[in-house]
Amino acid sequence: MNPSHRPRAVLEPRLSAALAEVPVIASVVGPQLLRQFAEAPASVCILASMSVGQLPQIVPALRKSGKTVFVNVDSSPGLAQDRGALEFLKHMGASGMVSTRLSLVEKGRPLGLLTMQKVFVTDRSNLRRSLDAVARGVPDLVELMPAPIVAHMSPESQTAMTPFVAAGFIETAQDAAVAIALGASAVATSDPRLWQLRRDQLPPVPAHAAPLVRRRTP
């Protein structure tokens, strides 16, 4: 299948419900901001730079507080890059996994994990490779980086990446509003100030981005 013609995916119901009120995924890098996330309105997180020894305490605690927890397998020190690592995450209560590795994304779904495939788009040739990887991985969600690239992608490429979360350089509420207006299901950010941003608080799309949004409106 040509990846540019991949059928539009539908956001998985658990993710749709979790992101309905706060369309922001908290990128929690290291344990320092765990308490701040636990108390924030955002209900979905990506844990990164948490060691394999920390995860069995952190993941169940966040799940108990009603959070949807993804673990970035690529950046968890001591966590293997194989099916056993994914089984370990599932057993401790993680909702999903994140990886740039196609092989890991493909192994996650049969285990009942939500899958998030992380892709970096730097140029047109890289975009083609990313589209192919997403078409093969069929993840529940694509983490598309950096967020500003969304404005430069064709509607067909965006559709092939759907559903996606825009990440990288999401620094303001306006950044979030633009990404969502351009088709992102959510944004991901490590800035705890944006973990408070509710969907009904998104600011209007700024004038410079309005033409881009209009071009992508069916």
N, C-alpha and C. Protein backbone atom coordinates (compact mmCIF):
# COMPACT_ATOMS: atom_id res chain seq x y z
N MET A 1 0.84 -1.21 0.00
CA MET A 1 0.00 0.00 0.00
C MET A 1 0.87 1.24 0.00
N ASN A 2 0.52 2.18 -0.85
CA ASN A 2 1.21 3.47 -0.85
C ASN A 2 0.90 4.18 0.45
N PRO A 3 1.92 4.53 1.29
CA PRO A 3 1.64 5.12 2.58
C PRO A 3 0.88 6.41 2.50
N SER A 4 1.01 7.15 1.39
CA SER A 4 0.27 8.40 1.28
C SER A 4 -1.22 8.17 1.12
N HIS A 5 -1.62 6.89 0.83
CA HIS A 5 -3.03 6.56 0.68
C HIS A 5 -3.51 5.68 1.84
N ARG A 6 -2.77 5.66 2.93
CA ARG A 6 -3.19 4.92 4.11
C ARG A 6 -4.54 5.47 4.59
N PRO A 7 -5.53 4.60 4.85
CA PRO A 7 -6.83 5.09 5.28
C PRO A 7 -6.72 5.90 6.57
N ARG A 8 -7.53 6.94 6.68
CA ARG A 8 -7.52 7.77 7.88
C ARG A 8 -7.87 6.91 9.08
N ALA A 9 -7.02 6.90 10.05
CA ALA A 9 -7.25 6.13 11.26
C ALA A 9 -8.13 6.92 12.22
N VAL A 10 -8.80 6.22 13.09
CA VAL A 10 -9.65 6.83 14.10
C VAL A 10 -8.93 6.74 15.44
N LEU A 11 -8.97 7.81 16.20
CA LEU A 11 -8.32 7.81 17.50
C LEU A 11 -8.94 6.74 18.38
N GLU A 12 -8.11 5.93 18.97
CA GLU A 12 -8.56 4.83 19.83
C GLU A 12 -9.46 5.38 20.93
N PRO A 13 -10.59 4.71 21.22
CA PRO A 13 -11.58 5.27 22.15
C PRO A 13 -11.02 5.67 23.51
N ARG A 14 -10.09 4.88 24.06
CA ARG A 14 -9.52 5.25 25.35
C ARG A 14 -8.74 6.55 25.26
N LEU A 15 -8.02 6.74 24.15
CA LEU A 15 -7.27 7.97 23.97
C LEU A 15 -8.20 9.14 23.69
N SER A 16 -9.23 8.90 22.90
CA SER A 16 -10.19 9.95 22.61
C SER A 16 -10.82 10.48 23.88
N ALA A 17 -11.20 9.57 24.78
CA ALA A 17 -11.80 9.99 26.05
C ALA A 17 -10.78 10.72 26.92
N ALA A 18 -9.54 10.22 26.95
CA ALA A 18 -8.52 10.82 27.81
C ALA A 18 -8.13 12.21 27.36
N LEU A 19 -8.21 12.46 26.04
CA LEU A 19 -7.77 13.75 25.49
C LEU A 19 -8.93 14.70 25.22
N ALA A 20 -10.14 14.28 25.53
CA ALA A 20 -11.32 15.10 25.20
C ALA A 20 -11.30 16.45 25.88
N GLU A 21 -10.94 16.49 27.17
CA GLU A 21 -10.97 17.74 27.91
C GLU A 21 -9.67 18.51 27.82
N VAL A 22 -8.56 17.80 27.96
CA VAL A 22 -7.24 18.43 27.90
C VAL A 22 -6.45 17.78 26.76
N PRO A 23 -6.31 18.47 25.62
CA PRO A 23 -5.65 17.87 24.46
C PRO A 23 -4.13 18.01 24.52
N VAL A 24 -3.59 17.79 25.69
CA VAL A 24 -2.15 17.95 25.93
C VAL A 24 -1.62 16.68 26.58
N ILE A 25 -0.59 16.12 25.99
CA ILE A 25 0.11 14.98 26.59
C ILE A 25 1.36 15.51 27.28
N ALA A 26 1.49 15.18 28.55
CA ALA A 26 2.63 15.65 29.32
C ALA A 26 3.85 14.77 29.05
N SER A 27 4.91 15.37 28.53
CA SER A 27 6.18 14.65 28.41
C SER A 27 6.92 14.83 29.73
N VAL A 28 6.93 13.80 30.52
CA VAL A 28 7.53 13.86 31.86
C VAL A 28 8.93 13.26 31.77
N VAL A 29 9.92 14.12 31.72
CA VAL A 29 11.31 13.68 31.53
C VAL A 29 12.00 13.65 32.89
N GLY A 30 12.24 12.45 33.39
CA GLY A 30 12.80 12.31 34.73
C GLY A 30 11.73 12.45 35.79
N PRO A 31 12.05 12.08 37.02
CA PRO A 31 11.04 12.04 38.08
C PRO A 31 10.73 13.37 38.74
N GLN A 32 11.45 14.43 38.41
CA GLN A 32 11.33 15.69 39.15
C GLN A 32 9.93 16.30 39.08
N LEU A 33 9.24 16.14 37.94
CA LEU A 33 7.94 16.78 37.75
C LEU A 33 6.77 15.81 37.87
N LEU A 34 7.01 14.65 38.44
CA LEU A 34 5.94 13.65 38.56
C LEU A 34 4.79 14.17 39.41
N ARG A 35 5.10 14.79 40.54
CA ARG A 35 4.03 15.28 41.40
C ARG A 35 3.21 16.36 40.68
N GLN A 36 3.91 17.22 39.95
CA GLN A 36 3.22 18.29 39.24
C GLN A 36 2.27 17.71 38.19
N PHE A 37 2.72 16.66 37.50
CA PHE A 37 1.84 16.02 36.53
C PHE A 37 0.67 15.34 37.22
N ALA A 38 0.93 14.66 38.31
CA ALA A 38 -0.14 13.95 39.02
C ALA A 38 -1.27 14.89 39.44
N GLU A 39 -0.92 16.15 39.70
CA GLU A 39 -1.91 17.13 40.15
C GLU A 39 -2.47 17.97 39.00
N ALA A 40 -1.99 17.76 37.77
CA ALA A 40 -2.41 18.58 36.62
C ALA A 40 -3.67 18.02 35.98
N PRO A 41 -4.43 18.87 35.28
CA PRO A 41 -5.61 18.38 34.56
C PRO A 41 -5.28 17.40 33.44
N ALA A 42 -4.11 17.53 32.82
CA ALA A 42 -3.73 16.59 31.76
C ALA A 42 -3.77 15.17 32.31
N SER A 43 -4.33 14.25 31.52
CA SER A 43 -4.48 12.89 32.03
C SER A 43 -3.61 11.87 31.30
N VAL A 44 -2.89 12.31 30.26
CA VAL A 44 -2.05 11.40 29.50
C VAL A 44 -0.60 11.86 29.60
N CYS A 45 0.31 10.92 29.78
CA CYS A 45 1.73 11.29 29.86
C CYS A 45 2.59 10.32 29.08
N ILE A 46 3.77 10.80 28.72
CA ILE A 46 4.84 9.97 28.21
C ILE A 46 5.98 10.06 29.21
N LEU A 47 6.33 8.94 29.79
CA LEU A 47 7.45 8.91 30.74
C LEU A 47 8.74 8.67 29.97
N ALA A 48 9.73 9.52 30.20
CA ALA A 48 11.03 9.38 29.55
C ALA A 48 12.13 9.57 30.59
N SER A 49 13.26 8.95 30.35
CA SER A 49 14.42 9.05 31.26
C SER A 49 14.08 8.57 32.66
N MET A 50 13.20 7.59 32.75
CA MET A 50 12.92 6.90 34.01
C MET A 50 13.61 5.54 33.95
N SER A 51 14.40 5.23 34.93
CA SER A 51 15.16 3.98 34.89
C SER A 51 14.24 2.79 35.09
N VAL A 52 14.73 1.63 34.68
CA VAL A 52 13.94 0.41 34.81
C VAL A 52 13.61 0.11 36.27
N GLY A 53 14.43 0.58 37.18
CA GLY A 53 14.15 0.37 38.59
C GLY A 53 13.10 1.31 39.15
N GLN A 54 12.89 2.46 38.52
CA GLN A 54 11.90 3.42 38.98
C GLN A 54 10.50 3.13 38.47
N LEU A 55 10.42 2.55 37.28
CA LEU A 55 9.14 2.39 36.63
C LEU A 55 8.11 1.58 37.44
N PRO A 56 8.50 0.48 38.11
CA PRO A 56 7.49 -0.30 38.83
C PRO A 56 6.82 0.45 39.98
N GLN A 57 7.43 1.51 40.46
CA GLN A 57 6.78 2.34 41.48
C GLN A 57 5.97 3.47 40.84
N ILE A 58 6.53 4.06 39.80
CA ILE A 58 5.91 5.24 39.19
C ILE A 58 4.66 4.91 38.40
N VAL A 59 4.73 3.90 37.55
CA VAL A 59 3.61 3.60 36.66
C VAL A 59 2.34 3.23 37.42
N PRO A 60 2.38 2.29 38.38
CA PRO A 60 1.15 1.96 39.10
C PRO A 60 0.58 3.14 39.89
N ALA A 61 1.45 3.99 40.43
CA ALA A 61 0.97 5.14 41.19
C ALA A 61 0.21 6.11 40.29
N LEU A 62 0.72 6.34 39.08
CA LEU A 62 0.03 7.23 38.15
C LEU A 62 -1.28 6.61 37.67
N ARG A 63 -1.26 5.31 37.41
CA ARG A 63 -2.49 4.65 36.98
C ARG A 63 -3.56 4.72 38.08
N LYS A 64 -3.13 4.57 39.32
CA LYS A 64 -4.08 4.63 40.44
C LYS A 64 -4.73 6.00 40.53
N SER A 65 -4.02 7.04 40.10
CA SER A 65 -4.58 8.40 40.14
C SER A 65 -5.36 8.75 38.87
N GLY A 66 -5.58 7.75 38.02
CA GLY A 66 -6.43 7.94 36.85
C GLY A 66 -5.71 8.41 35.60
N LYS A 67 -4.40 8.30 35.57
CA LYS A 67 -3.63 8.76 34.41
C LYS A 67 -3.44 7.63 33.39
N THR A 68 -3.34 8.04 32.13
CA THR A 68 -3.00 7.12 31.04
C THR A 68 -1.51 7.26 30.78
N VAL A 69 -0.78 6.17 30.98
CA VAL A 69 0.68 6.24 31.01
C VAL A 69 1.30 5.52 29.81
N PHE A 70 2.04 6.28 29.01
CA PHE A 70 2.90 5.72 27.98
C PHE A 70 4.34 5.76 28.49
N VAL A 71 5.13 4.78 28.12
CA VAL A 71 6.55 4.77 28.48
C VAL A 71 7.37 4.81 27.19
N ASN A 72 8.30 5.76 27.12
CA ASN A 72 9.21 5.84 26.00
C ASN A 72 10.28 4.76 26.18
N VAL A 73 10.14 3.70 25.42
CA VAL A 73 11.04 2.56 25.58
C VAL A 73 12.46 2.93 25.18
N ASP A 74 12.61 3.83 24.22
CA ASP A 74 13.93 4.19 23.72
C ASP A 74 14.76 4.96 24.74
N SER A 75 14.10 5.63 25.68
CA SER A 75 14.84 6.50 26.60
C SER A 75 14.60 6.13 28.06
N SER A 76 14.47 4.84 28.32
CA SER A 76 14.33 4.36 29.70
C SER A 76 15.57 3.54 30.04
N PRO A 77 16.53 4.13 30.76
CA PRO A 77 17.78 3.43 31.05
C PRO A 77 17.56 2.06 31.70
N GLY A 78 18.19 1.06 31.12
CA GLY A 78 18.11 -0.29 31.67
C GLY A 78 16.99 -1.12 31.08
N LEU A 79 16.09 -0.51 30.31
CA LEU A 79 14.97 -1.24 29.72
C LEU A 79 15.41 -1.82 28.38
N ALA A 80 15.24 -3.10 28.22
CA ALA A 80 15.66 -3.75 26.98
C ALA A 80 14.79 -3.30 25.81
N GLN A 81 15.30 -3.53 24.61
CA GLN A 81 14.58 -3.15 23.39
C GLN A 81 13.99 -4.41 22.75
N ASP A 82 13.09 -5.08 23.49
CA ASP A 82 12.55 -6.33 22.96
C ASP A 82 11.15 -6.58 23.52
N ARG A 83 10.55 -7.69 23.12
CA ARG A 83 9.19 -8.03 23.55
C ARG A 83 9.12 -8.18 25.06
N GLY A 84 10.18 -8.71 25.66
CA GLY A 84 10.18 -8.87 27.11
C GLY A 84 10.01 -7.55 27.83
N ALA A 85 10.61 -6.49 27.31
CA ALA A 85 10.47 -5.17 27.92
C ALA A 85 9.01 -4.70 27.84
N LEU A 86 8.36 -4.96 26.71
CA LEU A 86 6.96 -4.56 26.56
C LEU A 86 6.05 -5.37 27.49
N GLU A 87 6.35 -6.65 27.65
CA GLU A 87 5.58 -7.46 28.59
C GLU A 87 5.76 -6.94 30.02
N PHE A 88 6.95 -6.50 30.33
CA PHE A 88 7.25 -5.91 31.64
C PHE A 88 6.41 -4.66 31.87
N LEU A 89 6.31 -3.79 30.86
CA LEU A 89 5.51 -2.58 30.98
C LEU A 89 4.03 -2.91 31.13
N LYS A 90 3.56 -3.86 30.34
CA LYS A 90 2.15 -4.26 30.43
C LYS A 90 1.83 -4.82 31.81
N HIS A 91 2.71 -5.64 32.33
CA HIS A 91 2.49 -6.27 33.64
C HIS A 91 2.40 -5.22 34.75
N MET A 92 3.17 -4.15 34.66
CA MET A 92 3.16 -3.15 35.74
C MET A 92 2.01 -2.15 35.60
N GLY A 93 1.28 -2.21 34.47
CA GLY A 93 0.11 -1.37 34.32
C GLY A 93 0.23 -0.21 33.36
N ALA A 94 1.30 -0.17 32.57
CA ALA A 94 1.41 0.89 31.57
C ALA A 94 0.31 0.73 30.53
N SER A 95 -0.25 1.86 30.08
CA SER A 95 -1.28 1.81 29.04
C SER A 95 -0.68 1.62 27.66
N GLY A 96 0.53 2.19 27.47
CA GLY A 96 1.10 2.14 26.14
C GLY A 96 2.60 2.34 26.12
N MET A 97 3.15 2.23 24.93
CA MET A 97 4.58 2.39 24.72
C MET A 97 4.83 3.37 23.59
N VAL A 98 6.02 3.99 23.62
CA VAL A 98 6.44 4.92 22.58
C VAL A 98 7.81 4.48 22.08
N SER A 99 8.00 4.48 20.78
CA SER A 99 9.31 4.14 20.24
C SER A 99 9.42 4.63 18.80
N THR A 100 10.65 4.91 18.39
CA THR A 100 10.92 5.17 16.98
C THR A 100 11.11 3.86 16.23
N ARG A 101 11.24 2.77 16.96
CA ARG A 101 11.58 1.47 16.35
C ARG A 101 10.32 0.76 15.87
N LEU A 102 10.25 0.54 14.57
CA LEU A 102 9.10 -0.12 13.99
C LEU A 102 8.88 -1.50 14.59
N SER A 103 9.95 -2.24 14.82
CA SER A 103 9.81 -3.60 15.34
C SER A 103 9.13 -3.62 16.71
N LEU A 104 9.42 -2.62 17.54
CA LEU A 104 8.79 -2.56 18.86
C LEU A 104 7.32 -2.16 18.75
N VAL A 105 7.03 -1.20 17.88
CA VAL A 105 5.63 -0.79 17.68
C VAL A 105 4.80 -1.98 17.23
N GLU A 106 5.33 -2.77 16.33
CA GLU A 106 4.60 -3.93 15.83
C GLU A 106 4.38 -4.97 16.92
N LYS A 107 5.27 -5.04 17.90
CA LYS A 107 5.11 -6.02 18.98
C LYS A 107 4.16 -5.55 20.07
N GLY A 108 3.91 -4.24 20.15
CA GLY A 108 3.12 -3.71 21.26
C GLY A 108 1.65 -4.07 21.21
N ARG A 109 1.05 -3.95 20.04
CA ARG A 109 -0.40 -4.16 19.94
C ARG A 109 -0.84 -5.57 20.33
N PRO A 110 -0.17 -6.64 19.87
CA PRO A 110 -0.60 -7.99 20.28
C PRO A 110 -0.58 -8.20 21.80
N LEU A 111 0.20 -7.38 22.51
CA LEU A 111 0.26 -7.49 23.97
C LEU A 111 -0.84 -6.67 24.64
N GLY A 112 -1.63 -5.95 23.86
CA GLY A 112 -2.68 -5.13 24.44
C GLY A 112 -2.23 -3.75 24.85
N LEU A 113 -1.04 -3.34 24.43
CA LEU A 113 -0.56 -2.00 24.72
C LEU A 113 -0.99 -1.03 23.62
N LEU A 114 -1.33 0.20 24.01
CA LEU A 114 -1.48 1.26 23.03
C LEU A 114 -0.10 1.57 22.47
N THR A 115 -0.02 1.86 21.19
CA THR A 115 1.27 2.10 20.56
C THR A 115 1.36 3.51 20.02
N MET A 116 2.49 4.16 20.27
CA MET A 116 2.76 5.49 19.75
C MET A 116 4.10 5.43 19.02
N GLN A 117 4.06 5.69 17.73
CA GLN A 117 5.26 5.63 16.90
C GLN A 117 5.81 7.04 16.74
N LYS A 118 7.04 7.24 17.17
CA LYS A 118 7.66 8.56 17.15
C LYS A 118 8.43 8.73 15.85
N VAL A 119 8.13 9.81 15.12
CA VAL A 119 8.83 10.07 13.86
C VAL A 119 9.36 11.49 13.84
N PHE A 120 10.55 11.66 13.27
CA PHE A 120 11.17 12.96 13.10
C PHE A 120 11.19 13.28 11.61
N VAL A 121 10.55 14.35 11.22
CA VAL A 121 10.51 14.74 9.81
C VAL A 121 11.42 15.94 9.61
N THR A 122 12.48 15.74 8.84
CA THR A 122 13.46 16.81 8.64
C THR A 122 13.50 17.31 7.19
N ASP A 123 13.07 16.46 6.24
CA ASP A 123 13.04 16.87 4.84
C ASP A 123 12.10 15.94 4.08
N ARG A 124 11.95 16.17 2.77
CA ARG A 124 10.98 15.39 1.99
C ARG A 124 11.34 13.91 1.93
N SER A 125 12.61 13.61 1.77
CA SER A 125 12.99 12.20 1.69
C SER A 125 12.74 11.50 3.02
N ASN A 126 13.02 12.20 4.12
CA ASN A 126 12.74 11.64 5.43
C ASN A 126 11.24 11.46 5.63
N LEU A 127 10.45 12.39 5.11
CA LEU A 127 8.99 12.27 5.22
C LEU A 127 8.51 11.01 4.54
N ARG A 128 9.02 10.72 3.36
CA ARG A 128 8.60 9.50 2.65
C ARG A 128 8.92 8.25 3.47
N ARG A 129 10.10 8.21 4.08
CA ARG A 129 10.47 7.06 4.90
C ARG A 129 9.56 6.96 6.12
N SER A 130 9.23 8.11 6.70
CA SER A 130 8.37 8.12 7.88
C SER A 130 6.97 7.63 7.54
N LEU A 131 6.45 8.07 6.40
CA LEU A 131 5.13 7.62 5.97
C LEU A 131 5.10 6.12 5.77
N ASP A 132 6.17 5.58 5.20
CA ASP A 132 6.24 4.14 4.98
C ASP A 132 6.29 3.40 6.32
N ALA A 133 7.08 3.91 7.27
CA ALA A 133 7.19 3.26 8.58
C ALA A 133 5.85 3.27 9.31
N VAL A 134 5.14 4.39 9.24
CA VAL A 134 3.83 4.48 9.90
C VAL A 134 2.83 3.53 9.25
N ALA A 135 2.86 3.44 7.92
CA ALA A 135 1.95 2.53 7.22
C ALA A 135 2.20 1.09 7.63
N ARG A 136 3.46 0.75 7.91
CA ARG A 136 3.79 -0.62 8.31
C ARG A 136 3.49 -0.85 9.79
N GLY A 137 3.72 0.17 10.62
CA GLY A 137 3.52 0.00 12.06
C GLY A 137 2.08 0.08 12.49
N VAL A 138 1.26 0.82 11.77
CA VAL A 138 -0.16 1.04 12.09
C VAL A 138 -0.32 1.34 13.60
N PRO A 139 0.34 2.37 14.10
CA PRO A 139 0.24 2.67 15.53
C PRO A 139 -1.11 3.30 15.87
N ASP A 140 -1.43 3.28 17.17
CA ASP A 140 -2.63 3.97 17.63
C ASP A 140 -2.48 5.48 17.51
N LEU A 141 -1.24 5.94 17.61
CA LEU A 141 -0.97 7.38 17.57
C LEU A 141 0.45 7.58 17.05
N VAL A 142 0.63 8.61 16.23
CA VAL A 142 1.96 8.99 15.75
C VAL A 142 2.40 10.23 16.53
N GLU A 143 3.60 10.20 17.10
CA GLU A 143 4.17 11.40 17.70
C GLU A 143 5.03 12.05 16.62
N LEU A 144 4.53 13.14 16.07
CA LEU A 144 5.16 13.79 14.92
C LEU A 144 6.01 14.96 15.39
N MET A 145 7.29 14.92 15.06
CA MET A 145 8.24 15.95 15.49
C MET A 145 9.04 16.46 14.29
N PRO A 146 9.40 17.77 14.33
CA PRO A 146 8.96 18.79 15.28
C PRO A 146 7.60 19.36 14.86
N ALA A 147 6.85 19.89 15.81
CA ALA A 147 5.49 20.35 15.55
C ALA A 147 5.39 21.35 14.39
N PRO A 148 6.32 22.31 14.23
CA PRO A 148 6.16 23.27 13.13
C PRO A 148 6.12 22.64 11.74
N ILE A 149 6.61 21.38 11.61
CA ILE A 149 6.61 20.75 10.30
C ILE A 149 5.19 20.47 9.81
N VAL A 150 4.25 20.39 10.73
CA VAL A 150 2.86 20.08 10.34
C VAL A 150 2.34 21.09 9.32
N ALA A 151 2.69 22.35 9.51
CA ALA A 151 2.21 23.41 8.61
C ALA A 151 2.77 23.26 7.19
N HIS A 152 3.85 22.50 7.03
CA HIS A 152 4.49 22.35 5.72
C HIS A 152 4.16 21.02 5.06
N MET A 153 3.35 20.20 5.71
CA MET A 153 2.98 18.90 5.15
C MET A 153 1.72 19.03 4.30
N SER A 154 1.64 18.25 3.26
CA SER A 154 0.44 18.24 2.43
C SER A 154 -0.70 17.59 3.20
N PRO A 155 -1.95 17.91 2.84
CA PRO A 155 -3.08 17.24 3.49
C PRO A 155 -3.01 15.72 3.36
N GLU A 156 -2.48 15.22 2.23
CA GLU A 156 -2.37 13.77 2.05
C GLU A 156 -1.38 13.16 3.03
N SER A 157 -0.25 13.84 3.26
CA SER A 157 0.73 13.34 4.21
C SER A 157 0.18 13.38 5.62
N GLN A 158 -0.54 14.45 5.95
CA GLN A 158 -1.15 14.52 7.28
C GLN A 158 -2.14 13.39 7.49
N THR A 159 -2.95 13.12 6.47
CA THR A 159 -3.92 12.04 6.58
C THR A 159 -3.23 10.71 6.81
N ALA A 160 -2.10 10.50 6.13
CA ALA A 160 -1.37 9.25 6.29
C ALA A 160 -0.78 9.10 7.68
N MET A 161 -0.56 10.22 8.38
CA MET A 161 -0.02 10.19 9.74
C MET A 161 -1.12 10.15 10.81
N THR A 162 -2.35 10.34 10.42
CA THR A 162 -3.45 10.45 11.37
C THR A 162 -3.74 9.11 12.04
N PRO A 163 -4.09 9.12 13.34
CA PRO A 163 -4.09 10.28 14.23
C PRO A 163 -2.67 10.58 14.72
N PHE A 164 -2.37 11.86 14.88
CA PHE A 164 -1.02 12.22 15.32
C PHE A 164 -1.07 13.25 16.43
N VAL A 165 0.00 13.26 17.21
CA VAL A 165 0.21 14.27 18.24
C VAL A 165 1.44 15.07 17.82
N ALA A 166 1.32 16.38 17.84
CA ALA A 166 2.43 17.26 17.46
C ALA A 166 3.33 17.51 18.68
N ALA A 167 4.62 17.33 18.51
CA ALA A 167 5.55 17.48 19.64
C ALA A 167 6.80 18.20 19.17
N GLY A 168 7.46 18.85 20.12
CA GLY A 168 8.67 19.60 19.80
C GLY A 168 8.34 21.03 19.42
N PHE A 169 8.85 21.99 20.18
CA PHE A 169 8.60 23.41 19.98
C PHE A 169 7.15 23.81 20.25
N ILE A 170 6.46 23.04 21.09
CA ILE A 170 5.15 23.47 21.59
C ILE A 170 5.44 24.24 22.88
N GLU A 171 5.50 25.56 22.76
CA GLU A 171 5.94 26.39 23.87
C GLU A 171 4.86 27.31 24.42
N THR A 172 3.79 27.52 23.66
CA THR A 172 2.72 28.41 24.09
C THR A 172 1.37 27.78 23.78
N ALA A 173 0.33 28.37 24.37
CA ALA A 173 -1.03 27.91 24.08
C ALA A 173 -1.36 28.13 22.60
N GLN A 174 -0.82 29.19 22.00
CA GLN A 174 -1.04 29.42 20.57
C GLN A 174 -0.41 28.34 19.72
N ASP A 175 0.79 27.88 20.11
CA ASP A 175 1.42 26.77 19.39
C ASP A 175 0.50 25.56 19.40
N ALA A 176 -0.07 25.27 20.56
CA ALA A 176 -0.99 24.14 20.69
C ALA A 176 -2.22 24.34 19.82
N ALA A 177 -2.78 25.54 19.84
CA ALA A 177 -3.98 25.82 19.07
C ALA A 177 -3.75 25.64 17.57
N VAL A 178 -2.60 26.11 17.09
CA VAL A 178 -2.30 25.98 15.66
C VAL A 178 -2.15 24.52 15.27
N ALA A 179 -1.41 23.75 16.06
CA ALA A 179 -1.20 22.34 15.74
C ALA A 179 -2.52 21.58 15.71
N ILE A 180 -3.38 21.85 16.67
CA ILE A 180 -4.68 21.17 16.72
C ILE A 180 -5.57 21.61 15.57
N ALA A 181 -5.53 22.90 15.24
CA ALA A 181 -6.32 23.39 14.11
C ALA A 181 -5.85 22.77 12.79
N LEU A 182 -4.57 22.41 12.73
CA LEU A 182 -4.01 21.81 11.53
C LEU A 182 -4.20 20.29 11.48
N GLY A 183 -4.87 19.74 12.49
CA GLY A 183 -5.21 18.32 12.42
C GLY A 183 -4.67 17.44 13.52
N ALA A 184 -3.82 17.96 14.40
CA ALA A 184 -3.29 17.14 15.49
C ALA A 184 -4.41 16.76 16.47
N SER A 185 -4.39 15.52 16.92
CA SER A 185 -5.35 15.10 17.94
C SER A 185 -5.00 15.70 19.29
N ALA A 186 -3.73 16.02 19.48
CA ALA A 186 -3.24 16.59 20.72
C ALA A 186 -1.84 17.12 20.47
N VAL A 187 -1.28 17.77 21.48
CA VAL A 187 0.12 18.16 21.45
C VAL A 187 0.82 17.51 22.63
N ALA A 188 2.12 17.36 22.52
CA ALA A 188 2.92 16.84 23.63
C ALA A 188 3.97 17.87 23.99
N THR A 189 4.15 18.11 25.27
CA THR A 189 5.11 19.11 25.73
C THR A 189 5.63 18.78 27.11
N SER A 190 6.86 19.20 27.37
CA SER A 190 7.45 19.02 28.70
C SER A 190 7.23 20.25 29.58
N ASP A 191 6.55 21.27 29.05
CA ASP A 191 6.30 22.50 29.80
C ASP A 191 5.09 22.30 30.70
N PRO A 192 5.27 22.22 32.01
CA PRO A 192 4.14 21.94 32.90
C PRO A 192 3.07 23.01 32.90
N ARG A 193 3.40 24.22 32.45
CA ARG A 193 2.37 25.26 32.38
C ARG A 193 1.28 24.88 31.38
N LEU A 194 1.63 24.13 30.33
CA LEU A 194 0.66 23.74 29.32
C LEU A 194 -0.10 22.48 29.69
N TRP A 195 0.30 21.81 30.77
CA TRP A 195 -0.45 20.64 31.22
C TRP A 195 -1.79 21.04 31.83
N GLN A 196 -1.99 22.35 31.97
CA GLN A 196 -3.24 22.88 32.51
C GLN A 196 -4.22 23.28 31.41
N LEU A 197 -3.81 23.22 30.15
CA LEU A 197 -4.56 23.81 29.05
C LEU A 197 -5.73 22.93 28.63
N ARG A 198 -6.92 23.41 28.89
CA ARG A 198 -8.13 22.67 28.51
C ARG A 198 -8.52 23.04 27.09
N ARG A 199 -9.25 22.14 26.45
CA ARG A 199 -9.63 22.37 25.06
C ARG A 199 -10.44 23.65 24.90
N ASP A 200 -11.33 23.93 25.87
CA ASP A 200 -12.14 25.14 25.74
C ASP A 200 -11.37 26.42 26.07
N GLN A 201 -10.10 26.28 26.45
CA GLN A 201 -9.25 27.43 26.71
C GLN A 201 -8.26 27.71 25.58
N LEU A 202 -8.31 26.91 24.51
CA LEU A 202 -7.40 27.14 23.40
C LEU A 202 -7.66 28.52 22.79
N PRO A 203 -6.62 29.31 22.58
CA PRO A 203 -6.82 30.65 22.01
C PRO A 203 -7.15 30.56 20.53
N PRO A 204 -7.64 31.65 19.97
CA PRO A 204 -7.89 31.68 18.51
C PRO A 204 -6.58 31.46 17.75
N VAL A 205 -6.70 30.87 16.59
CA VAL A 205 -5.53 30.69 15.73
C VAL A 205 -5.03 32.06 15.30
N PRO A 206 -3.74 32.36 15.47
CA PRO A 206 -3.23 33.68 15.08
C PRO A 206 -3.37 33.94 13.59
N ALA A 207 -3.39 35.21 13.23
CA ALA A 207 -3.65 35.61 11.84
C ALA A 207 -2.67 34.97 10.86
N HIS A 208 -1.39 34.84 11.26
CA HIS A 208 -0.40 34.33 10.30
C HIS A 208 -0.64 32.86 9.97
N ALA A 209 -1.34 32.13 10.84
CA ALA A 209 -1.59 30.71 10.61
C ALA A 209 -2.96 30.43 10.01
N ALA A 210 -3.84 31.42 10.04
CA ALA A 210 -5.21 31.20 9.58
C ALA A 210 -5.29 30.72 8.13
N PRO A 211 -4.50 31.27 7.20
CA PRO A 211 -4.57 30.76 5.82
C PRO A 211 -4.21 29.29 5.70
N LEU A 212 -3.24 28.82 6.50
CA LEU A 212 -2.86 27.41 6.47
C LEU A 212 -4.00 26.53 6.94
N VAL A 213 -4.68 26.98 7.98
CA VAL A 213 -5.80 26.21 8.52
C VAL A 213 -6.94 26.16 7.49
N ARG A 214 -7.23 27.28 6.86
CA ARG A 214 -8.31 27.31 5.86
C ARG A 214 -8.01 26.37 4.70
N ARG A 215 -6.74 26.31 4.29
CA ARG A 215 -6.37 25.44 3.17
C ARG A 215 -6.59 23.97 3.50
N ARG A 216 -6.52 23.63 4.77
CA ARG A 216 -6.66 22.23 5.16
C ARG A 216 -8.06 21.88 5.62
N THR A 217 -8.96 22.83 5.61
CA THR A 217 -10.34 22.55 6.01
C THR A 217 -11.10 21.96 4.83
N PRO A 218 -11.68 20.76 5.03
CA PRO A 218 -12.38 20.10 3.91
C PRO A 218 -13.53 20.96 3.40
